Amino acid sequence: MSTQTLDLSKLSDWLKANVCDFSGSLTAEKFAGGQSNPTFKVTAGEREFVLRRKPPGQLLASAHAVDREYRVISALQNSDVPVPGAVALCEDDDIIGSMFYLMEFMDGRVFWDPVLPELSNDERSAAYDDMNRVLAAMHSIDINAVGLSDYGRPGNYFERQVGRWSKQYRASETETVPAMETLMVWLSENMPADDGRVALVHGDYRLDNVMFHPTEPKIIAVLDWELSTLGNPIADLAYQVMAWQLPRDAGITGLGGIDRKPLSIPEDSSYVRRYCERTGRDEIQHWNFYLAFCFFRLAAIVQGVKKRALDGTASSAEAESRGNLVLPLAELGMSYIKD
């Protein structure tokens, strides 16, 4: 079974046995995104769902954790963090060839260009502020109250993450990238002391992983929780700001070279300051480390996409071209290294 299709007969039987009020003929359409976990719109009669599955084939350890995605969106139902309704999880690989889960299909807008050309200046400003609001709300979730106290490991989050992504990078390495070698050493040797803060961390919080209201600049769902865990919340903030540094033609569209003020897009400093106000923080020290780490981590993720493209298991036609971003991402990370 490929990443592009589903066995609708087996899936229909499973849905009838596991989803209440399921009826009608089943159709499935793959969304264009979802490079890591193939994602489909599934329609059954008048009901619509979104199905996210692990890709079939041999996978890197701990990757494509759709069961963790399902757990976290289940935990966040009725919280201050908007998420789709959780419907069902299937851990039986025999149904469609890999583990999958179903969530509510939501009618909204997903924007791909951080310039937000679809919006007016007032809407654009409001959309960025709502991303800031939701990020602060996510990091303010009481993890004990929602049952996520064991969702991550104890200890220095960045130490764990540098170790994890170094290991993942080595497992998917296809050639030597000197900048990645330098970053792995520098990050390990310049690790900030753990400040003890622990929060729910999304891991991939960016514009195209949130869904906005059909007509209002308000987020109605945070999507793609595959990389979520417990850890230092600054990782999410730095990752979002890091993405804006990317050039317009990087394959992952950023805001590099854009004059933000005429577009009512916040500068990095004002966005960070507003987040700090919302979360009761003072200044953030070691900011260059966090940005260098985020570039390294994204480069390691993209290297995994490249390896899957070479192995024929990547789920997006753009996967191979995205793999060519490893070197420029690593070099951007190097630019934040300070003696």
C-alpha atoms as a PDB file:
ATOM      1  CA  MET A   1       0.000   0.000   0.000  1.00  0.00           C
ATOM      2  CA  SER A   2       1.508   3.358  -1.051  1.00  0.00           C
ATOM      3  CA  THR A   3       1.383   6.626   0.853  1.00  0.00           C
ATOM      4  CA  GLN A   4      -1.049   7.977  -1.743  1.00  0.00           C
ATOM      5  CA  THR A   5      -3.892   5.472  -1.329  1.00  0.00           C
ATOM      6  CA  LEU A   6      -5.914   3.699   1.363  1.00  0.00           C
ATOM      7  CA  ASP A   7      -7.572   0.293   1.452  1.00  0.00           C
ATOM      8  CA  LEU A   8     -11.112   1.676   1.669  1.00  0.00           C
ATOM      9  CA  SER A   9     -12.734  -1.730   2.115  1.00  0.00           C
ATOM     10  CA  LYS A  10     -10.778  -2.590   5.269  1.00  0.00           C
ATOM     11  CA  LEU A  11     -10.990   0.995   6.504  1.00  0.00           C
ATOM     12  CA  SER A  12     -14.776   1.015   6.056  1.00  0.00           C
ATOM     13  CA  ASP A  13     -15.133  -2.185   8.089  1.00  0.00           C
ATOM     14  CA  TRP A  14     -12.944  -0.757  10.868  1.00  0.00           C
ATOM     15  CA  LEU A  15     -14.896   2.511  10.950  1.00  0.00           C
ATOM     16  CA  LYS A  16     -18.200   0.682  11.211  1.00  0.00           C
ATOM     17  CA  ALA A  17     -16.867  -1.236  14.211  1.00  0.00           C
ATOM     18  CA  ASN A  18     -15.125   1.666  15.966  1.00  0.00           C
ATOM     19  CA  VAL A  19     -16.801   4.976  15.084  1.00  0.00           C
ATOM     20  CA  CYS A  20     -20.299   5.766  16.293  1.00  0.00           C
ATOM     21  CA  ASP A  21     -22.971   6.610  13.718  1.00  0.00           C
ATOM     22  CA  PHE A  22     -20.768   5.626  10.807  1.00  0.00           C
ATOM     23  CA  SER A  23     -22.675   4.961   7.607  1.00  0.00           C
ATOM     24  CA  GLY A  24     -22.541   5.568   3.868  1.00  0.00           C
ATOM     25  CA  SER A  25     -19.988   4.881   1.179  1.00  0.00           C
ATOM     26  CA  LEU A  26     -16.388   5.843   1.910  1.00  0.00           C
ATOM     27  CA  THR A  27     -14.134   8.116  -0.148  1.00  0.00           C
ATOM     28  CA  ALA A  28     -10.636   9.416   0.624  1.00  0.00           C
ATOM     29  CA  GLU A  29      -8.601  12.266  -0.823  1.00  0.00           C
ATOM     30  CA  LYS A  30      -4.963  12.909   0.086  1.00  0.00           C
ATOM     31  CA  PHE A  31      -4.006  16.420   1.150  1.00  0.00           C
ATOM     32  CA  ALA A  32      -1.080  18.006  -0.690  1.00  0.00           C
ATOM     33  CA  GLY A  33       0.979  18.517   2.490  1.00  0.00           C
ATOM     34  CA  GLY A  34       1.836  15.963   5.138  1.00  0.00           C
ATOM     35  CA  GLN A  35       5.400  15.136   4.090  1.00  0.00           C
ATOM     36  CA  SER A  36       5.989  13.196   7.289  1.00  0.00           C
ATOM     37  CA  ASN A  37       2.613  11.616   8.032  1.00  0.00           C
ATOM     38  CA  PRO A  38       0.331  11.199   4.986  1.00  0.00           C
ATOM     39  CA  THR A  39      -2.963  12.968   5.640  1.00  0.00           C
ATOM     40  CA  PHE A  40      -6.342  12.320   3.995  1.00  0.00           C
ATOM     41  CA  LYS A  41      -9.819  13.781   3.990  1.00  0.00           C
ATOM     42  CA  VAL A  42     -12.179  10.857   4.531  1.00  0.00           C
ATOM     43  CA  THR A  43     -15.881  11.242   3.723  1.00  0.00           C
ATOM     44  CA  ALA A  44     -18.516   8.770   4.859  1.00  0.00           C
ATOM     45  CA  GLY A  45     -22.019   9.790   3.868  1.00  0.00           C
ATOM     46  CA  GLU A  46     -22.501  13.231   5.417  1.00  0.00           C
ATOM     47  CA  ARG A  47     -19.636  12.902   7.896  1.00  0.00           C
ATOM     48  CA  GLU A  48     -16.126  14.172   7.192  1.00  0.00           C
ATOM     49  CA  PHE A  49     -12.925  13.227   8.992  1.00  0.00           C
ATOM     50  CA  VAL A  50      -9.198  13.775   8.660  1.00  0.00           C
ATOM     51  CA  LEU A  51      -7.047  10.627   8.754  1.00  0.00           C
ATOM     52  CA  ARG A  52      -3.335  10.800   9.598  1.00  0.00           C
ATOM     53  CA  ARG A  53      -1.209   7.697   9.250  1.00  0.00           C
ATOM     54  CA  LYS A  54       2.345   6.579   9.633  1.00  0.00           C
ATOM     55  CA  PRO A  55       3.970   6.046   6.250  1.00  0.00           C
ATOM     56  CA  PRO A  56       4.512   2.371   5.442  1.00  0.00           C
ATOM     57  CA  GLY A  57       7.981   0.847   5.239  1.00  0.00           C
ATOM     58  CA  GLN A  58      11.059   1.005   7.470  1.00  0.00           C
ATOM     59  CA  LEU A  59      11.078   4.170   9.584  1.00  0.00           C
ATOM     60  CA  LEU A  60      13.485   5.913  11.935  1.00  0.00           C
ATOM     61  CA  ALA A  61      12.972   5.059  15.579  1.00  0.00           C
ATOM     62  CA  SER A  62      10.527   7.379  17.428  1.00  0.00           C
ATOM     63  CA  ALA A  63       9.489   9.125  14.180  1.00  0.00           C
ATOM     64  CA  HIS A  64       5.933   9.504  12.826  1.00  0.00           C
ATOM     65  CA  ALA A  65       4.323   9.155  16.250  1.00  0.00           C
ATOM     66  CA  VAL A  66       0.672   9.475  15.260  1.00  0.00           C
ATOM     67  CA  ASP A  67      -0.373   7.826  18.513  1.00  0.00           C
ATOM     68  CA  ARG A  68       1.269  10.709  20.406  1.00  0.00           C
ATOM     69  CA  GLU A  69      -0.560  13.183  18.179  1.00  0.00           C
ATOM     70  CA  TYR A  70      -3.836  11.514  19.017  1.00  0.00           C
ATOM     71  CA  ARG A  71      -3.047  11.521  22.724  1.00  0.00           C
ATOM     72  CA  VAL A  72      -2.251  15.220  22.862  1.00  0.00           C
ATOM     73  CA  ILE A  73      -5.263  16.443  20.864  1.00  0.00           C
ATOM     74  CA  SER A  74      -7.449  14.203  23.050  1.00  0.00           C
ATOM     75  CA  ALA A  75      -5.942  15.809  26.161  1.00  0.00           C
ATOM     76  CA  LEU A  76      -6.494  19.347  24.842  1.00  0.00           C
ATOM     77  CA  GLN A  77     -10.210  18.990  24.103  1.00  0.00           C
ATOM     78  CA  ASN A  78     -12.053  21.927  25.764  1.00  0.00           C
ATOM     79  CA  SER A  79      -8.787  23.652  26.712  1.00  0.00           C
ATOM     80  CA  ASP A  80      -7.580  27.151  25.784  1.00  0.00           C
ATOM     81  CA  VAL A  81      -5.624  25.596  22.901  1.00  0.00           C
ATOM     82  CA  PRO A  82      -7.946  24.983  19.922  1.00  0.00           C
ATOM     83  CA  VAL A  83      -7.619  21.509  18.402  1.00  0.00           C
ATOM     84  CA  PRO A  84      -9.824  19.315  16.190  1.00  0.00           C
ATOM     85  CA  GLY A  85     -12.099  16.816  17.864  1.00  0.00           C
ATOM     86  CA  ALA A  86     -10.385  13.460  18.483  1.00  0.00           C
ATOM     87  CA  VAL A  87     -12.376  10.585  16.932  1.00  0.00           C
ATOM     88  CA  ALA A  88     -10.459   7.279  17.069  1.00  0.00           C
ATOM     89  CA  LEU A  89      -6.979   5.720  17.051  1.00  0.00           C
ATOM     90  CA  CYS A  90      -6.105   2.482  15.220  1.00  0.00           C
ATOM     91  CA  GLU A  91      -2.850   0.771  16.229  1.00  0.00           C
ATOM     92  CA  ASP A  92      -3.454  -2.274  14.014  1.00  0.00           C
ATOM     93  CA  ASP A  93      -1.122  -2.103  11.008  1.00  0.00           C
ATOM     94  CA  ASP A  94      -3.225  -4.678   9.149  1.00  0.00           C
ATOM     95  CA  ILE A  95      -6.095  -2.247   8.455  1.00  0.00           C
ATOM     96  CA  ILE A  96      -4.371   0.160   6.040  1.00  0.00           C
ATOM     97  CA  GLY A  97      -0.734  -0.900   6.415  1.00  0.00           C
ATOM     98  CA  SER A  98       0.244   1.367   9.318  1.00  0.00           C
ATOM     99  CA  MET A  99      -1.076   2.993  12.481  1.00  0.00           C
ATOM    100  CA  PHE A 100      -3.521   5.889  11.973  1.00  0.00           C
ATOM    101  CA  TYR A 101      -5.991   8.122  13.755  1.00  0.00           C
ATOM    102  CA  LEU A 102      -9.087  10.074  12.855  1.00  0.00           C
ATOM    103  CA  MET A 103      -9.960  13.586  13.901  1.00  0.00           C
ATOM    104  CA  GLU A 104     -12.720  16.024  13.123  1.00  0.00           C
ATOM    105  CA  PHE A 105     -12.594  17.760   9.719  1.00  0.00           C
ATOM    106  CA  MET A 106     -12.701  21.502  10.299  1.00  0.00           C
ATOM    107  CA  ASP A 107     -13.753  24.136   7.809  1.00  0.00           C
ATOM    108  CA  GLY A 108     -11.154  26.875   7.904  1.00  0.00           C
ATOM    109  CA  ARG A 109      -8.178  28.465   6.176  1.00  0.00           C
ATOM    110  CA  VAL A 110      -4.550  27.342   6.182  1.00  0.00           C
ATOM    111  CA  PHE A 111      -2.102  29.972   4.973  1.00  0.00           C
ATOM    112  CA  TRP A 112       1.242  28.978   3.455  1.00  0.00           C
ATOM    113  CA  ASP A 113       2.907  32.341   2.847  1.00  0.00           C
ATOM    114  CA  PRO A 114       3.902  34.293   6.007  1.00  0.00           C
ATOM    115  CA  VAL A 115       3.366  37.548   4.103  1.00  0.00           C
ATOM    116  CA  LEU A 116      -0.354  36.634   4.210  1.00  0.00           C
ATOM    117  CA  PRO A 117      -1.226  38.314   0.895  1.00  0.00           C
ATOM    118  CA  GLU A 118      -4.843  37.165   1.319  1.00  0.00           C
ATOM    119  CA  LEU A 119      -5.359  39.507   4.293  1.00  0.00           C
ATOM    120  CA  SER A 120      -5.595  43.237   4.916  1.00  0.00           C
ATOM    121  CA  ASN A 121      -3.060  44.944   7.169  1.00  0.00           C
ATOM    122  CA  ASP A 122      -5.423  44.899  10.152  1.00  0.00           C
ATOM    123  CA  GLU A 123      -6.233  41.219   9.589  1.00  0.00           C
ATOM    124  CA  ARG A 124      -2.563  40.388   9.117  1.00  0.00           C
ATOM    125  CA  SER A 125      -1.617  42.053  12.398  1.00  0.00           C
ATOM    126  CA  ALA A 126      -4.484  40.285  14.187  1.00  0.00           C
ATOM    127  CA  ALA A 127      -3.510  36.897  12.718  1.00  0.00           C
ATOM    128  CA  TYR A 128       0.073  37.195  13.980  1.00  0.00           C
ATOM    129  CA  ASP A 129      -1.141  38.335  17.375  1.00  0.00           C
ATOM    130  CA  ASP A 130      -3.469  35.340  17.576  1.00  0.00           C
ATOM    131  CA  MET A 131      -0.576  32.999  16.789  1.00  0.00           C
ATOM    132  CA  ASN A 132       1.243  34.639  19.677  1.00  0.00           C
ATOM    133  CA  ARG A 133      -1.810  34.288  21.950  1.00  0.00           C
ATOM    134  CA  VAL A 134      -2.299  30.597  21.166  1.00  0.00           C
ATOM    135  CA  LEU A 135       1.421  29.847  21.640  1.00  0.00           C
ATOM    136  CA  ALA A 136       1.330  31.492  25.070  1.00  0.00           C
ATOM    137  CA  ALA A 137      -1.851  29.568  25.935  1.00  0.00           C
ATOM    138  CA  MET A 138      -0.207  26.280  24.895  1.00  0.00           C
ATOM    139  CA  HIS A 139       2.767  26.943  27.140  1.00  0.00           C
ATOM    140  CA  SER A 140       0.430  27.827  30.024  1.00  0.00           C
ATOM    141  CA  ILE A 141      -1.479  24.519  29.930  1.00  0.00           C
ATOM    142  CA  ASP A 142      -1.502  22.694  33.272  1.00  0.00           C
ATOM    143  CA  ILE A 143       0.059  19.428  32.086  1.00  0.00           C
ATOM    144  CA  ASN A 144      -1.031  17.609  35.231  1.00  0.00           C
ATOM    145  CA  ALA A 145      -4.648  18.695  34.879  1.00  0.00           C
ATOM    146  CA  VAL A 146      -4.890  17.476  31.274  1.00  0.00           C
ATOM    147  CA  GLY A 147      -3.104  14.186  31.941  1.00  0.00           C
ATOM    148  CA  LEU A 148       0.164  14.916  30.136  1.00  0.00           C
ATOM    149  CA  SER A 149       2.588  14.905  33.068  1.00  0.00           C
ATOM    150  CA  ASP A 150       4.364  11.857  31.601  1.00  0.00           C
ATOM    151  CA  TYR A 151       4.350  13.093  27.998  1.00  0.00           C
ATOM    152  CA  GLY A 152       8.084  13.887  27.999  1.00  0.00           C
ATOM    153  CA  ARG A 153      11.277  12.914  29.768  1.00  0.00           C
ATOM    154  CA  PRO A 154      12.804  14.795  32.697  1.00  0.00           C
ATOM    155  CA  GLY A 155      16.096  16.661  32.424  1.00  0.00           C
ATOM    156  CA  ASN A 156      17.556  19.401  30.228  1.00  0.00           C
ATOM    157  CA  TYR A 157      15.244  19.635  27.212  1.00  0.00           C
ATOM    158  CA  PHE A 158      17.827  21.089  24.843  1.00  0.00           C
ATOM    159  CA  GLU A 159      20.412  18.515  25.848  1.00  0.00           C
ATOM    160  CA  ARG A 160      17.910  15.762  25.037  1.00  0.00           C
ATOM    161  CA  GLN A 161      16.908  17.406  21.783  1.00  0.00           C
ATOM    162  CA  VAL A 162      20.453  17.949  20.530  1.00  0.00           C
ATOM    163  CA  GLY A 163      21.161  14.304  21.316  1.00  0.00           C
ATOM    164  CA  ARG A 164      17.958  13.085  19.670  1.00  0.00           C
ATOM    165  CA  TRP A 165      18.334  15.046  16.460  1.00  0.00           C
ATOM    166  CA  SER A 166      22.041  14.276  16.192  1.00  0.00           C
ATOM    167  CA  LYS A 167      21.099  10.595  16.360  1.00  0.00           C
ATOM    168  CA  GLN A 168      18.271  11.016  13.840  1.00  0.00           C
ATOM    169  CA  TYR A 169      20.576  12.951  11.528  1.00  0.00           C
ATOM    170  CA  ARG A 170      23.221  10.221  11.671  1.00  0.00           C
ATOM    171  CA  ALA A 171      20.587   7.585  10.915  1.00  0.00           C
ATOM    172  CA  SER A 172      19.491   9.420   7.757  1.00  0.00           C
ATOM    173  CA  GLU A 173      22.849  10.947   6.728  1.00  0.00           C
ATOM    174  CA  THR A 174      23.610  10.642   3.017  1.00  0.00           C
ATOM    175  CA  GLU A 175      26.767  12.764   2.784  1.00  0.00           C
ATOM    176  CA  THR A 176      29.008  14.797   5.080  1.00  0.00           C
ATOM    177  CA  VAL A 177      27.792  18.360   5.715  1.00  0.00           C
ATOM    178  CA  PRO A 178      30.588  20.243   7.531  1.00  0.00           C
ATOM    179  CA  ALA A 179      28.210  22.889   8.919  1.00  0.00           C
ATOM    180  CA  MET A 180      26.122  20.182  10.597  1.00  0.00           C
ATOM    181  CA  GLU A 181      29.251  18.690  12.135  1.00  0.00           C
ATOM    182  CA  THR A 182      30.210  22.102  13.548  1.00  0.00           C
ATOM    183  CA  LEU A 183      26.716  22.792  14.846  1.00  0.00           C
ATOM    184  CA  MET A 184      26.470  19.482  16.696  1.00  0.00           C
ATOM    185  CA  VAL A 185      29.716  20.175  18.521  1.00  0.00           C
ATOM    186  CA  TRP A 186      28.965  23.855  19.251  1.00  0.00           C
ATOM    187  CA  LEU A 187      25.454  23.184  20.544  1.00  0.00           C
ATOM    188  CA  SER A 188      26.719  20.476  22.879  1.00  0.00           C
ATOM    189  CA  GLU A 189      29.495  22.703  24.216  1.00  0.00           C
ATOM    190  CA  ASN A 190      27.349  25.851  24.649  1.00  0.00           C
ATOM    191  CA  MET A 191      24.252  24.378  26.290  1.00  0.00           C
ATOM    192  CA  PRO A 192      22.454  26.902  28.548  1.00  0.00           C
ATOM    193  CA  ALA A 193      21.738  25.751  32.081  1.00  0.00           C
ATOM    194  CA  ASP A 194      18.292  24.196  32.475  1.00  0.00           C
ATOM    195  CA  ASP A 195      15.915  26.814  33.945  1.00  0.00           C
ATOM    196  CA  GLY A 196      13.498  24.167  35.192  1.00  0.00           C
ATOM    197  CA  ARG A 197      10.543  25.343  33.097  1.00  0.00           C
ATOM    198  CA  VAL A 198       8.461  22.511  31.684  1.00  0.00           C
ATOM    199  CA  ALA A 199       5.569  23.069  29.294  1.00  0.00           C
ATOM    200  CA  LEU A 200       3.735  21.366  26.483  1.00  0.00           C
ATOM    201  CA  VAL A 201       5.901  22.049  23.426  1.00  0.00           C
ATOM    202  CA  HIS A 202       4.380  21.698  19.937  1.00  0.00           C
ATOM    203  CA  GLY A 203       7.694  21.204  18.144  1.00  0.00           C
ATOM    204  CA  ASP A 204       6.582  22.515  14.742  1.00  0.00           C
ATOM    205  CA  TYR A 205       4.576  25.645  15.504  1.00  0.00           C
ATOM    206  CA  ARG A 206       4.379  27.684  12.304  1.00  0.00           C
ATOM    207  CA  LEU A 207       1.851  29.388  10.077  1.00  0.00           C
ATOM    208  CA  ASP A 208       0.816  26.392   7.971  1.00  0.00           C
ATOM    209  CA  ASN A 209       0.319  24.200  11.043  1.00  0.00           C
ATOM    210  CA  VAL A 210      -2.553  26.292  12.354  1.00  0.00           C
ATOM    211  CA  MET A 211      -6.025  26.713  10.851  1.00  0.00           C
ATOM    212  CA  PHE A 212      -7.796  30.052  10.873  1.00  0.00           C
ATOM    213  CA  HIS A 213     -11.511  30.786  10.961  1.00  0.00           C
ATOM    214  CA  PRO A 214     -13.073  30.914   7.457  1.00  0.00           C
ATOM    215  CA  THR A 215     -13.526  34.702   7.608  1.00  0.00           C
ATOM    216  CA  GLU A 216     -11.799  35.959  10.773  1.00  0.00           C
ATOM    217  CA  PRO A 217      -8.081  36.219  11.664  1.00  0.00           C
ATOM    218  CA  LYS A 218      -8.603  33.824  14.569  1.00  0.00           C
ATOM    219  CA  ILE A 219      -7.067  30.358  15.023  1.00  0.00           C
ATOM    220  CA  ILE A 220      -9.611  27.550  15.293  1.00  0.00           C
ATOM    221  CA  ALA A 221      -7.172  24.607  15.381  1.00  0.00           C
ATOM    222  CA  VAL A 222      -3.498  23.838  15.990  1.00  0.00           C
ATOM    223  CA  LEU A 223      -2.464  20.944  13.745  1.00  0.00           C
ATOM    224  CA  ASP A 224       0.424  18.477  13.254  1.00  0.00           C
ATOM    225  CA  TRP A 225       1.453  17.530  16.803  1.00  0.00           C
ATOM    226  CA  GLU A 226       3.881  14.795  15.708  1.00  0.00           C
ATOM    227  CA  LEU A 227       6.910  16.429  17.345  1.00  0.00           C
ATOM    228  CA  SER A 228       5.154  17.551  20.521  1.00  0.00           C
ATOM    229  CA  THR A 229       6.581  16.717  23.933  1.00  0.00           C
ATOM    230  CA  LEU A 230       7.239  18.293  27.319  1.00  0.00           C
ATOM    231  CA  GLY A 231      10.147  20.681  27.405  1.00  0.00           C
ATOM    232  CA  ASN A 232      11.388  24.223  27.362  1.00  0.00           C
ATOM    233  CA  PRO A 233       8.746  26.492  25.763  1.00  0.00           C
ATOM    234  CA  ILE A 234      11.378  28.812  24.284  1.00  0.00           C
ATOM    235  CA  ALA A 235      12.014  26.083  21.699  1.00  0.00           C
ATOM    236  CA  ASP A 236       8.617  26.784  20.091  1.00  0.00           C
ATOM    237  CA  LEU A 237       9.056  30.550  20.155  1.00  0.00           C
ATOM    238  CA  ALA A 238      12.560  30.359  18.664  1.00  0.00           C
ATOM    239  CA  TYR A 239      11.392  27.909  15.999  1.00  0.00           C
ATOM    240  CA  GLN A 240       8.649  30.252  14.845  1.00  0.00           C
ATOM    241  CA  VAL A 241      10.993  33.240  14.731  1.00  0.00           C
ATOM    242  CA  MET A 242      13.663  31.101  13.012  1.00  0.00           C
ATOM    243  CA  ALA A 243      11.274  30.278  10.174  1.00  0.00           C
ATOM    244  CA  TRP A 244      10.831  33.970   9.429  1.00  0.00           C
ATOM    245  CA  GLN A 245      14.574  34.323   8.748  1.00  0.00           C
ATOM    246  CA  LEU A 246      14.358  31.987   5.754  1.00  0.00           C
ATOM    247  CA  PRO A 247      14.522  33.594   2.300  1.00  0.00           C
ATOM    248  CA  ARG A 248      11.472  33.698   0.058  1.00  0.00           C
ATOM    249  CA  ASP A 249      12.909  31.104  -2.338  1.00  0.00           C
ATOM    250  CA  ALA A 250      14.126  28.605   0.270  1.00  0.00           C
ATOM    251  CA  GLY A 251      11.479  25.988  -0.467  1.00  0.00           C
ATOM    252  CA  ILE A 252      10.126  26.706   3.022  1.00  0.00           C
ATOM    253  CA  THR A 253       8.897  30.250   2.514  1.00  0.00           C
ATOM    254  CA  GLY A 254      10.155  32.790   5.035  1.00  0.00           C
ATOM    255  CA  LEU A 255      10.210  36.550   5.444  1.00  0.00           C
ATOM    256  CA  GLY A 256      13.849  37.128   4.493  1.00  0.00           C
ATOM    257  CA  GLY A 257      14.252  40.470   2.729  1.00  0.00           C
ATOM    258  CA  ILE A 258      10.668  41.577   3.464  1.00  0.00           C
ATOM    259  CA  ASP A 259       9.997  45.042   4.910  1.00  0.00           C
ATOM    260  CA  ARG A 260       7.478  44.002   7.548  1.00  0.00           C
ATOM    261  CA  LYS A 261       6.317  47.400   8.821  1.00  0.00           C
ATOM    262  CA  PRO A 262       4.182  48.384   5.765  1.00  0.00           C
ATOM    263  CA  LEU A 263       2.526  44.942   5.996  1.00  0.00           C
ATOM    264  CA  SER A 264       1.776  45.176   9.748  1.00  0.00           C
ATOM    265  CA  ILE A 265       3.858  42.057  10.387  1.00  0.00           C
ATOM    266  CA  PRO A 266       5.628  42.229  13.767  1.00  0.00           C
ATOM    267  CA  GLU A 267       9.386  42.414  14.017  1.00  0.00           C
ATOM    268  CA  ASP A 268      11.058  39.559  15.889  1.00  0.00           C
ATOM    269  CA  SER A 269      11.709  41.685  18.978  1.00  0.00           C
ATOM    270  CA  SER A 270       8.108  42.893  19.337  1.00  0.00           C
ATOM    271  CA  TYR A 271       6.713  39.393  18.816  1.00  0.00           C
ATOM    272  CA  VAL A 272       9.054  37.980  21.465  1.00  0.00           C
ATOM    273  CA  ARG A 273       8.249  40.847  23.841  1.00  0.00           C
ATOM    274  CA  ARG A 274       4.475  40.258  23.492  1.00  0.00           C
ATOM    275  CA  TYR A 275       4.957  36.547  24.169  1.00  0.00           C
ATOM    276  CA  CYS A 276       6.979  37.357  27.287  1.00  0.00           C
ATOM    277  CA  GLU A 277       4.225  39.701  28.500  1.00  0.00           C
ATOM    278  CA  ARG A 278       1.637  36.976  28.029  1.00  0.00           C
ATOM    279  CA  THR A 279       3.693  34.339  29.839  1.00  0.00           C
ATOM    280  CA  GLY A 280       5.124  36.518  32.620  1.00  0.00           C
ATOM    281  CA  ARG A 281       8.731  36.315  31.431  1.00  0.00           C
ATOM    282  CA  ASP A 282      11.508  38.848  31.542  1.00  0.00           C
ATOM    283  CA  GLU A 283      14.144  38.904  28.811  1.00  0.00           C
ATOM    284  CA  ILE A 284      15.251  35.680  27.132  1.00  0.00           C
ATOM    285  CA  GLN A 285      18.963  35.005  27.473  1.00  0.00           C
ATOM    286  CA  HIS A 286      21.012  32.820  25.088  1.00  0.00           C
ATOM    287  CA  TRP A 287      18.673  33.678  22.193  1.00  0.00           C
ATOM    288  CA  ASN A 288      21.404  32.972  19.628  1.00  0.00           C
ATOM    289  CA  PHE A 289      21.763  29.415  20.969  1.00  0.00           C
ATOM    290  CA  TYR A 290      18.037  28.769  20.569  1.00  0.00           C
ATOM    291  CA  LEU A 291      18.016  30.035  16.992  1.00  0.00           C
ATOM    292  CA  ALA A 292      21.127  28.015  16.068  1.00  0.00           C
ATOM    293  CA  PHE A 293      19.503  24.942  17.617  1.00  0.00           C
ATOM    294  CA  CYS A 294      16.291  25.479  15.626  1.00  0.00           C
ATOM    295  CA  PHE A 295      18.167  25.702  12.325  1.00  0.00           C
ATOM    296  CA  PHE A 296      20.120  22.546  13.225  1.00  0.00           C
ATOM    297  CA  ARG A 297      16.951  20.684  14.182  1.00  0.00           C
ATOM    298  CA  LEU A 298      15.122  21.705  11.004  1.00  0.00           C
ATOM    299  CA  ALA A 299      18.126  20.647   8.925  1.00  0.00           C
ATOM    300  CA  ALA A 300      18.081  17.250  10.660  1.00  0.00           C
ATOM    301  CA  ILE A 301      14.348  16.886   9.957  1.00  0.00           C
ATOM    302  CA  VAL A 302      14.834  17.818   6.301  1.00  0.00           C
ATOM    303  CA  GLN A 303      17.684  15.292   6.061  1.00  0.00           C
ATOM    304  CA  GLY A 304      15.197  12.640   7.146  1.00  0.00           C
ATOM    305  CA  VAL A 305      12.801  13.760   4.409  1.00  0.00           C
ATOM    306  CA  LYS A 306      15.652  13.542   1.896  1.00  0.00           C
ATOM    307  CA  LYS A 307      16.542  10.024   2.993  1.00  0.00           C
ATOM    308  CA  ARG A 308      12.935   8.876   2.703  1.00  0.00           C
ATOM    309  CA  ALA A 309      12.752  10.406  -0.782  1.00  0.00           C
ATOM    310  CA  LEU A 310      15.843   8.446  -1.814  1.00  0.00           C
ATOM    311  CA  ASP A 311      14.341   5.308  -0.261  1.00  0.00           C
ATOM    312  CA  GLY A 312      11.008   5.903  -2.012  1.00  0.00           C
ATOM    313  CA  THR A 313       8.922   6.245   1.175  1.00  0.00           C
ATOM    314  CA  ALA A 314       8.480  10.038   1.366  1.00  0.00           C
ATOM    315  CA  SER A 315       4.844  11.111   1.093  1.00  0.00           C
ATOM    316  CA  SER A 316       5.260  14.398  -0.771  1.00  0.00           C
ATOM    317  CA  ALA A 317       6.404  15.022  -4.327  1.00  0.00           C
ATOM    318  CA  GLU A 318       8.433  17.960  -2.980  1.00  0.00           C
ATOM    319  CA  ALA A 319      10.369  15.807  -0.515  1.00  0.00           C
ATOM    320  CA  GLU A 320      13.501  15.378  -2.634  1.00  0.00           C
ATOM    321  CA  SER A 321      13.803  19.100  -3.413  1.00  0.00           C
ATOM    322  CA  ARG A 322      13.282  19.920   0.273  1.00  0.00           C
ATOM    323  CA  GLY A 323      16.190  17.626   1.045  1.00  0.00           C
ATOM    324  CA  ASN A 324      18.496  20.041  -0.759  1.00  0.00           C
ATOM    325  CA  LEU A 325      17.874  22.558   2.041  1.00  0.00           C
ATOM    326  CA  VAL A 326      20.045  20.713   4.573  1.00  0.00           C
ATOM    327  CA  LEU A 327      23.226  22.624   3.716  1.00  0.00           C
ATOM    328  CA  PRO A 328      21.718  26.162   3.567  1.00  0.00           C
ATOM    329  CA  LEU A 329      19.791  25.560   6.805  1.00  0.00           C
ATOM    330  CA  ALA A 330      22.931  24.378   8.565  1.00  0.00           C
ATOM    331  CA  GLU A 331      24.843  27.401   7.288  1.00  0.00           C
ATOM    332  CA  LEU A 332      22.109  29.738   8.549  1.00  0.00           C
ATOM    333  CA  GLY A 333      22.442  28.030  11.923  1.00  0.00           C
ATOM    334  CA  MET A 334      26.188  28.648  11.819  1.00  0.00           C
ATOM    335  CA  SER A 335      25.547  32.379  11.459  1.00  0.00           C
ATOM    336  CA  TYR A 336      24.214  32.449  15.044  1.00  0.00           C
ATOM    337  CA  ILE A 337      27.277  30.832  16.567  1.00  0.00           C
ATOM    338  CA  LYS A 338      29.108  33.212  18.871  1.00  0.00           C
ATOM    339  CA  ASP A 339      32.521  32.717  20.451  1.00  0.00           C
END
